[in-house]
């Protein structure tokens, strides 16, 4: 009798794991790549943040990985350290606008430190999201504004 209960519990546990993993795939949101736009924080001569500068287009790419780094940024009360996603254009993989994509999850940053091809660092008020490209099965990270999710 104990063996039967043991096997029943194991079967229930395995069934739950399989059911939950397939549920995640079914609930993933699909969308398409679009030209991403990022906000650039404006800083006045006193170091205070003001209104944002006009949005800027950033490269339509994705990255296999990135790193988190606490970086100082101006704030109304001086400087504060924020959790930035750090990426380099030289490590990015270009993607085509309109290509299918699946959303996986958000990164834990609201700011991105981006080093462009010319080596110039940029700080943007934009995070990253993890995505999957169904056509290739590749997973990586892209700008939050680079994906137009279908409802």
N, C-alpha and C. Protein backbone atom coordinates (compact mmCIF):
# COMPACT_ATOMS: atom_id res chain seq x y z
N UNK A 1 0.83 -1.19 0.00
CA UNK A 1 0.00 0.00 0.00
C UNK A 1 0.88 1.25 0.00
N UNK A 2 1.97 1.23 0.79
CA UNK A 2 2.86 2.39 0.85
C UNK A 2 3.53 2.64 -0.50
N UNK A 3 3.89 1.56 -1.20
CA UNK A 3 4.50 1.71 -2.51
C UNK A 3 3.53 2.38 -3.48
N UNK A 4 2.29 2.00 -3.43
CA UNK A 4 1.28 2.57 -4.32
C UNK A 4 1.12 4.07 -4.06
N UNK A 5 1.10 4.47 -2.80
CA UNK A 5 0.99 5.89 -2.45
C UNK A 5 2.25 6.63 -2.89
N UNK A 6 3.41 6.02 -2.68
CA UNK A 6 4.68 6.62 -3.10
C UNK A 6 4.68 6.86 -4.62
N UNK A 7 4.31 5.83 -5.39
CA UNK A 7 4.29 5.96 -6.85
C UNK A 7 3.24 6.98 -7.30
N UNK A 8 2.13 7.03 -6.62
CA UNK A 8 1.10 8.01 -6.94
C UNK A 8 1.61 9.43 -6.71
N UNK A 9 2.32 9.66 -5.60
CA UNK A 9 2.89 10.97 -5.32
C UNK A 9 3.94 11.35 -6.35
N UNK A 10 4.81 10.42 -6.72
CA UNK A 10 5.84 10.67 -7.73
C UNK A 10 5.17 11.01 -9.06
N UNK A 11 4.17 10.24 -9.46
CA UNK A 11 3.46 10.48 -10.72
C UNK A 11 2.81 11.86 -10.70
N UNK A 12 2.16 12.22 -9.60
CA UNK A 12 1.52 13.53 -9.48
C UNK A 12 2.55 14.66 -9.57
N UNK A 13 3.68 14.49 -8.91
CA UNK A 13 4.75 15.48 -8.95
C UNK A 13 5.28 15.67 -10.37
N UNK A 14 5.59 14.58 -11.05
CA UNK A 14 6.08 14.66 -12.43
C UNK A 14 5.05 15.27 -13.37
N UNK A 15 3.80 14.88 -13.21
CA UNK A 15 2.72 15.43 -14.03
C UNK A 15 2.61 16.94 -13.83
N UNK A 16 2.76 17.40 -12.58
CA UNK A 16 2.71 18.83 -12.28
C UNK A 16 3.85 19.58 -12.95
N UNK A 17 5.05 19.02 -12.89
CA UNK A 17 6.21 19.67 -13.51
C UNK A 17 6.02 19.78 -15.01
N UNK A 18 5.60 18.70 -15.65
CA UNK A 18 5.40 18.72 -17.10
C UNK A 18 4.29 19.69 -17.46
N UNK A 19 3.22 19.70 -16.72
CA UNK A 19 2.11 20.61 -16.99
C UNK A 19 2.50 22.06 -16.85
N UNK A 20 3.29 22.39 -15.82
CA UNK A 20 3.70 23.77 -15.61
C UNK A 20 4.68 24.23 -16.67
N UNK A 21 5.59 23.37 -17.12
CA UNK A 21 6.55 23.78 -18.13
C UNK A 21 5.88 24.02 -19.46
N UNK A 22 4.89 23.21 -19.83
CA UNK A 22 4.21 23.45 -21.11
C UNK A 22 3.30 24.66 -21.01
N UNK A 23 2.81 24.97 -19.81
CA UNK A 23 1.99 26.15 -19.62
C UNK A 23 2.79 27.41 -19.88
N UNK A 24 4.08 27.41 -19.47
CA UNK A 24 4.93 28.57 -19.70
C UNK A 24 5.08 28.84 -21.19
N UNK A 25 5.27 27.81 -22.00
CA UNK A 25 5.42 27.98 -23.44
C UNK A 25 4.13 28.51 -24.03
N UNK A 26 2.99 27.97 -23.59
CA UNK A 26 1.71 28.40 -24.12
C UNK A 26 1.41 29.85 -23.76
N UNK A 27 1.86 30.30 -22.58
CA UNK A 27 1.57 31.65 -22.14
C UNK A 27 2.58 32.69 -22.61
N UNK A 28 3.64 32.26 -23.32
CA UNK A 28 4.62 33.24 -23.78
C UNK A 28 3.96 34.13 -24.83
N UNK A 29 4.27 35.41 -24.75
CA UNK A 29 3.68 36.36 -25.66
C UNK A 29 4.50 36.42 -26.94
N UNK A 30 3.82 36.50 -28.05
CA UNK A 30 4.53 36.60 -29.32
C UNK A 30 4.41 38.03 -29.84
N UNK A 31 5.30 38.37 -30.73
CA UNK A 31 5.30 39.70 -31.31
C UNK A 31 6.27 39.76 -32.47
N UNK A 32 6.64 40.96 -32.86
CA UNK A 32 7.59 41.17 -33.94
C UNK A 32 8.59 42.24 -33.54
N UNK A 33 9.78 42.17 -34.14
CA UNK A 33 10.78 43.21 -33.92
C UNK A 33 10.34 44.50 -34.59
N UNK A 34 10.63 45.62 -33.94
CA UNK A 34 10.39 46.94 -34.52
C UNK A 34 11.58 47.82 -34.17
N UNK A 35 11.70 48.96 -34.83
CA UNK A 35 12.81 49.87 -34.58
C UNK A 35 12.71 50.38 -33.14
N UNK A 36 13.73 50.10 -32.31
CA UNK A 36 13.67 50.54 -30.91
C UNK A 36 14.02 52.01 -30.74
N UNK A 37 13.40 52.61 -29.74
CA UNK A 37 13.65 54.00 -29.37
C UNK A 37 13.95 54.04 -27.88
N UNK A 38 14.93 54.86 -27.50
CA UNK A 38 15.32 54.96 -26.09
C UNK A 38 15.28 56.42 -25.65
N UNK A 39 14.95 56.62 -24.38
CA UNK A 39 14.97 57.95 -23.79
C UNK A 39 16.38 58.26 -23.30
N UNK A 40 16.80 59.49 -23.50
CA UNK A 40 18.11 59.95 -23.02
C UNK A 40 17.85 60.94 -21.91
N UNK A 41 18.32 60.65 -20.69
CA UNK A 41 18.08 61.60 -19.60
C UNK A 41 18.87 62.88 -19.82
N UNK A 42 18.24 64.00 -19.55
CA UNK A 42 18.90 65.30 -19.67
C UNK A 42 19.39 65.72 -18.29
N UNK A 43 20.59 66.25 -18.24
CA UNK A 43 21.17 66.71 -16.98
C UNK A 43 21.54 68.17 -17.15
N UNK A 44 21.08 69.03 -16.20
CA UNK A 44 21.43 70.45 -16.31
C UNK A 44 22.80 70.70 -15.69
N UNK A 45 23.26 71.92 -15.72
CA UNK A 45 24.62 72.25 -15.26
C UNK A 45 24.83 71.98 -13.77
N UNK A 46 23.76 71.93 -12.97
CA UNK A 46 23.89 71.64 -11.54
C UNK A 46 23.91 70.14 -11.26
N UNK A 47 23.79 69.33 -12.31
CA UNK A 47 23.77 67.88 -12.12
C UNK A 47 22.38 67.34 -11.85
N UNK A 48 21.38 68.21 -11.84
CA UNK A 48 20.00 67.76 -11.63
C UNK A 48 19.43 67.23 -12.93
N UNK A 49 18.59 66.22 -12.80
CA UNK A 49 17.93 65.73 -13.99
C UNK A 49 16.79 66.67 -14.34
N UNK A 50 16.62 66.87 -15.59
CA UNK A 50 15.52 67.69 -16.06
C UNK A 50 14.62 66.84 -16.92
N UNK A 51 13.99 67.46 -17.87
CA UNK A 51 13.19 66.70 -18.82
C UNK A 51 14.12 65.86 -19.69
N UNK A 52 13.57 64.80 -20.24
CA UNK A 52 14.37 63.96 -21.13
C UNK A 52 14.59 64.68 -22.45
N UNK A 53 15.68 64.35 -23.09
CA UNK A 53 15.93 64.82 -24.45
C UNK A 53 15.00 64.06 -25.37
N UNK A 54 14.87 64.51 -26.62
CA UNK A 54 14.03 63.75 -27.55
C UNK A 54 14.50 62.30 -27.65
N UNK A 55 13.58 61.36 -27.82
CA UNK A 55 13.96 59.95 -27.92
C UNK A 55 14.94 59.73 -29.08
N UNK A 56 15.78 58.73 -28.94
CA UNK A 56 16.77 58.41 -29.98
C UNK A 56 16.57 56.97 -30.46
N UNK A 57 16.76 56.76 -31.75
CA UNK A 57 16.74 55.40 -32.28
C UNK A 57 18.03 54.71 -31.85
N UNK A 58 17.91 53.46 -31.46
CA UNK A 58 19.06 52.65 -31.10
C UNK A 58 19.08 51.44 -32.04
N UNK A 59 20.22 50.77 -32.18
CA UNK A 59 20.32 49.67 -33.14
C UNK A 59 19.36 48.52 -32.83
N UNK A 60 18.76 47.98 -33.88
CA UNK A 60 17.86 46.83 -33.75
C UNK A 60 18.72 45.57 -33.71
N UNK A 61 18.99 45.10 -32.50
CA UNK A 61 19.88 43.96 -32.28
C UNK A 61 19.41 43.16 -31.08
N UNK A 62 20.06 42.00 -30.90
CA UNK A 62 19.91 41.29 -29.64
C UNK A 62 21.26 40.77 -29.22
N UNK A 63 21.38 40.50 -27.93
CA UNK A 63 22.64 40.07 -27.32
C UNK A 63 22.42 38.75 -26.63
N UNK A 64 23.38 37.84 -26.75
CA UNK A 64 23.31 36.53 -26.10
C UNK A 64 23.34 36.67 -24.58
N UNK A 65 24.05 37.70 -24.10
CA UNK A 65 24.14 37.92 -22.66
C UNK A 65 24.46 39.40 -22.41
N UNK A 66 24.40 39.78 -21.16
CA UNK A 66 24.76 41.13 -20.74
C UNK A 66 25.17 41.02 -19.29
N UNK A 67 25.62 42.11 -18.72
CA UNK A 67 25.94 42.09 -17.30
C UNK A 67 25.21 43.21 -16.59
N UNK A 68 24.95 43.00 -15.31
CA UNK A 68 24.39 44.05 -14.46
C UNK A 68 25.55 44.79 -13.82
N UNK A 69 25.40 46.09 -13.68
CA UNK A 69 26.43 46.88 -13.02
C UNK A 69 25.78 48.09 -12.36
N UNK A 70 26.17 48.36 -11.11
CA UNK A 70 25.69 49.57 -10.43
C UNK A 70 26.52 50.73 -10.95
N UNK A 71 25.83 51.69 -11.58
CA UNK A 71 26.50 52.84 -12.19
C UNK A 71 25.89 54.11 -11.63
N UNK A 72 26.73 55.07 -11.37
CA UNK A 72 26.27 56.36 -10.86
C UNK A 72 25.55 57.12 -11.96
N UNK A 73 24.45 57.74 -11.59
CA UNK A 73 23.74 58.60 -12.54
C UNK A 73 23.22 59.81 -11.79
N UNK A 74 23.13 60.96 -12.47
CA UNK A 74 22.62 62.17 -11.81
C UNK A 74 21.18 61.99 -11.36
N UNK A 75 20.87 62.57 -10.23
CA UNK A 75 19.51 62.59 -9.71
C UNK A 75 19.26 63.97 -9.11
N UNK A 76 18.04 64.27 -8.79
CA UNK A 76 17.70 65.59 -8.25
C UNK A 76 18.45 65.89 -6.95
N UNK A 77 18.84 64.86 -6.22
CA UNK A 77 19.54 65.08 -4.95
C UNK A 77 21.04 64.75 -5.07
N UNK A 78 21.61 64.96 -6.22
CA UNK A 78 23.02 64.64 -6.44
C UNK A 78 23.16 63.47 -7.38
N UNK A 79 24.01 62.51 -7.02
CA UNK A 79 24.19 61.30 -7.82
C UNK A 79 23.68 60.10 -7.03
N UNK A 80 23.17 59.14 -7.76
CA UNK A 80 22.70 57.91 -7.15
C UNK A 80 23.18 56.75 -7.99
N UNK A 81 23.37 55.60 -7.37
CA UNK A 81 23.77 54.41 -8.12
C UNK A 81 22.51 53.64 -8.51
N UNK A 82 22.46 53.25 -9.75
CA UNK A 82 21.32 52.48 -10.29
C UNK A 82 21.85 51.19 -10.89
N UNK A 83 20.97 50.20 -10.95
CA UNK A 83 21.29 48.92 -11.57
C UNK A 83 21.13 49.07 -13.09
N UNK A 84 22.23 49.04 -13.82
CA UNK A 84 22.21 49.17 -15.28
C UNK A 84 22.43 47.81 -15.92
N UNK A 85 21.81 47.60 -17.08
CA UNK A 85 22.18 46.51 -17.97
C UNK A 85 23.31 47.07 -18.83
N UNK A 86 24.37 46.32 -19.01
CA UNK A 86 25.54 46.80 -19.76
C UNK A 86 25.71 45.95 -21.01
N UNK A 87 25.67 46.62 -22.18
CA UNK A 87 25.82 45.93 -23.46
C UNK A 87 26.75 46.72 -24.37
N UNK A 88 27.30 46.04 -25.37
CA UNK A 88 28.16 46.67 -26.36
C UNK A 88 27.63 46.36 -27.75
N UNK A 89 27.63 47.36 -28.61
CA UNK A 89 27.14 47.16 -29.97
C UNK A 89 27.97 46.11 -30.70
N UNK A 90 29.26 46.04 -30.41
CA UNK A 90 30.14 45.07 -31.08
C UNK A 90 29.78 43.63 -30.75
N UNK A 91 29.05 43.39 -29.66
CA UNK A 91 28.66 42.04 -29.27
C UNK A 91 27.23 41.71 -29.68
N UNK A 92 26.54 42.67 -30.30
CA UNK A 92 25.15 42.47 -30.69
C UNK A 92 25.00 41.74 -32.02
N UNK A 93 23.85 41.13 -32.19
CA UNK A 93 23.51 40.43 -33.43
C UNK A 93 22.36 41.19 -34.08
N UNK A 94 22.56 41.73 -35.29
CA UNK A 94 21.47 42.47 -35.95
C UNK A 94 20.29 41.55 -36.27
N UNK A 95 19.08 42.09 -36.18
CA UNK A 95 17.86 41.36 -36.52
C UNK A 95 17.04 42.20 -37.49
N UNK A 96 16.13 41.55 -38.18
CA UNK A 96 15.30 42.22 -39.17
C UNK A 96 14.01 42.74 -38.54
N UNK A 97 13.66 43.97 -38.87
CA UNK A 97 12.39 44.52 -38.43
C UNK A 97 11.26 43.66 -39.01
N UNK A 98 10.27 43.35 -38.19
CA UNK A 98 9.14 42.53 -38.62
C UNK A 98 9.33 41.04 -38.37
N UNK A 99 10.54 40.60 -37.97
CA UNK A 99 10.79 39.18 -37.68
C UNK A 99 10.02 38.77 -36.42
N UNK A 100 9.51 37.54 -36.42
CA UNK A 100 8.76 37.03 -35.27
C UNK A 100 9.67 36.86 -34.06
N UNK A 101 9.07 37.06 -32.88
CA UNK A 101 9.80 36.97 -31.64
C UNK A 101 8.84 36.55 -30.53
N UNK A 102 9.36 35.87 -29.51
CA UNK A 102 8.57 35.51 -28.34
C UNK A 102 9.20 36.13 -27.11
N UNK A 103 8.38 36.79 -26.30
CA UNK A 103 8.82 37.38 -25.05
C UNK A 103 9.01 36.28 -24.02
N UNK A 104 10.14 36.33 -23.28
CA UNK A 104 10.37 35.36 -22.21
C UNK A 104 10.26 36.03 -20.85
N UNK A 105 11.08 37.09 -20.62
CA UNK A 105 11.02 37.78 -19.33
C UNK A 105 11.72 39.13 -19.42
N UNK A 106 11.48 39.96 -18.40
CA UNK A 106 12.13 41.26 -18.29
C UNK A 106 13.44 41.13 -17.53
N UNK A 107 14.42 41.95 -17.90
CA UNK A 107 15.65 42.06 -17.11
C UNK A 107 15.34 42.91 -15.88
N UNK A 108 16.23 42.89 -14.90
CA UNK A 108 16.02 43.63 -13.66
C UNK A 108 16.71 44.99 -13.70
N UNK A 109 16.54 45.70 -14.78
CA UNK A 109 17.13 47.04 -14.88
C UNK A 109 16.17 47.96 -15.64
N UNK A 110 16.23 49.24 -15.30
CA UNK A 110 15.43 50.23 -16.00
C UNK A 110 16.31 51.16 -16.83
N UNK A 111 17.62 50.98 -16.72
CA UNK A 111 18.59 51.80 -17.44
C UNK A 111 19.56 50.87 -18.16
N UNK A 112 20.09 51.34 -19.28
CA UNK A 112 21.07 50.56 -20.03
C UNK A 112 22.28 51.41 -20.34
N UNK A 113 23.46 50.84 -20.10
CA UNK A 113 24.73 51.46 -20.47
C UNK A 113 25.15 50.78 -21.76
N UNK A 114 25.13 51.52 -22.86
CA UNK A 114 25.36 50.99 -24.20
C UNK A 114 26.61 51.62 -24.78
N UNK A 115 27.56 50.79 -25.20
CA UNK A 115 28.76 51.29 -25.86
C UNK A 115 28.59 51.06 -27.36
N UNK A 116 28.56 52.16 -28.12
CA UNK A 116 28.34 52.08 -29.57
C UNK A 116 29.62 51.64 -30.28
N UNK A 117 29.51 51.40 -31.60
CA UNK A 117 30.64 50.92 -32.39
C UNK A 117 31.87 51.82 -32.29
N UNK A 118 31.64 53.12 -32.15
CA UNK A 118 32.76 54.06 -32.08
C UNK A 118 33.37 54.14 -30.67
N UNK A 119 32.91 53.29 -29.75
CA UNK A 119 33.46 53.24 -28.40
C UNK A 119 32.88 54.25 -27.43
N UNK A 120 31.90 55.02 -27.88
CA UNK A 120 31.29 56.04 -27.02
C UNK A 120 30.22 55.40 -26.15
N UNK A 121 30.30 55.61 -24.82
CA UNK A 121 29.27 55.05 -23.94
C UNK A 121 28.04 55.96 -23.90
N UNK A 122 26.88 55.33 -23.82
CA UNK A 122 25.61 56.05 -23.74
C UNK A 122 24.81 55.47 -22.58
N UNK A 123 24.12 56.34 -21.86
CA UNK A 123 23.21 55.89 -20.79
C UNK A 123 21.79 56.20 -21.24
N UNK A 124 20.98 55.15 -21.30
CA UNK A 124 19.60 55.29 -21.74
C UNK A 124 18.64 54.89 -20.62
N UNK A 125 17.49 55.52 -20.62
CA UNK A 125 16.41 55.14 -19.70
C UNK A 125 15.56 54.09 -20.42
N UNK A 126 16.07 52.87 -20.45
CA UNK A 126 15.37 51.76 -21.10
C UNK A 126 15.98 50.47 -20.57
N UNK A 127 15.16 49.46 -20.41
CA UNK A 127 15.64 48.18 -19.94
C UNK A 127 15.78 47.19 -21.08
N UNK A 128 16.04 45.95 -20.73
CA UNK A 128 16.16 44.87 -21.69
C UNK A 128 15.15 43.78 -21.38
N UNK A 129 14.79 43.01 -22.39
CA UNK A 129 13.92 41.86 -22.21
C UNK A 129 14.55 40.64 -22.86
N UNK A 130 14.27 39.49 -22.28
CA UNK A 130 14.76 38.23 -22.86
C UNK A 130 13.74 37.76 -23.88
N UNK A 131 14.24 37.35 -25.05
CA UNK A 131 13.36 36.93 -26.14
C UNK A 131 13.86 35.63 -26.76
N UNK A 132 12.98 34.99 -27.51
CA UNK A 132 13.33 33.82 -28.31
C UNK A 132 12.92 34.13 -29.74
N UNK A 133 13.79 33.78 -30.69
CA UNK A 133 13.46 33.94 -32.10
C UNK A 133 12.99 32.57 -32.60
N UNK A 134 11.69 32.40 -32.86
CA UNK A 134 11.15 31.07 -33.20
C UNK A 134 11.81 30.45 -34.44
N UNK A 135 12.16 31.25 -35.40
CA UNK A 135 12.74 30.74 -36.65
C UNK A 135 14.06 30.00 -36.41
N UNK A 136 14.87 30.49 -35.47
CA UNK A 136 16.18 29.89 -35.22
C UNK A 136 16.27 29.20 -33.87
N UNK A 137 15.34 29.50 -32.97
CA UNK A 137 15.38 28.96 -31.62
C UNK A 137 16.35 29.69 -30.71
N UNK A 138 17.04 30.71 -31.23
CA UNK A 138 18.00 31.46 -30.43
C UNK A 138 17.29 32.27 -29.36
N UNK A 139 17.93 32.38 -28.20
CA UNK A 139 17.44 33.22 -27.12
C UNK A 139 18.47 34.28 -26.83
N UNK A 140 18.00 35.44 -26.42
CA UNK A 140 18.91 36.53 -26.09
C UNK A 140 18.14 37.69 -25.51
N UNK A 141 18.80 38.85 -25.48
CA UNK A 141 18.26 40.04 -24.84
C UNK A 141 18.19 41.17 -25.85
N UNK A 142 17.14 41.97 -25.79
CA UNK A 142 17.00 43.13 -26.66
C UNK A 142 16.35 44.26 -25.87
N UNK A 143 16.31 45.43 -26.47
CA UNK A 143 15.69 46.60 -25.85
C UNK A 143 14.20 46.33 -25.59
N UNK A 144 13.66 46.89 -24.53
CA UNK A 144 12.22 46.70 -24.25
C UNK A 144 11.36 47.28 -25.36
N UNK A 145 11.81 48.34 -26.02
CA UNK A 145 11.00 48.97 -27.07
C UNK A 145 11.23 48.34 -28.44
N UNK A 146 12.05 47.27 -28.53
CA UNK A 146 12.35 46.65 -29.82
C UNK A 146 11.33 45.56 -30.21
N UNK A 147 10.36 45.30 -29.33
CA UNK A 147 9.39 44.25 -29.60
C UNK A 147 7.98 44.82 -29.50
N UNK A 148 7.21 44.58 -30.55
CA UNK A 148 5.80 44.96 -30.58
C UNK A 148 5.01 43.70 -30.27
N UNK A 149 4.55 43.56 -29.02
CA UNK A 149 3.84 42.35 -28.60
C UNK A 149 2.41 42.36 -29.09
N UNK A 150 1.92 41.20 -29.50
CA UNK A 150 0.53 41.04 -29.91
C UNK A 150 -0.30 40.81 -28.67
N UNK A 151 -1.46 41.37 -28.63
CA UNK A 151 -2.34 41.22 -27.45
C UNK A 151 -3.01 39.90 -27.43
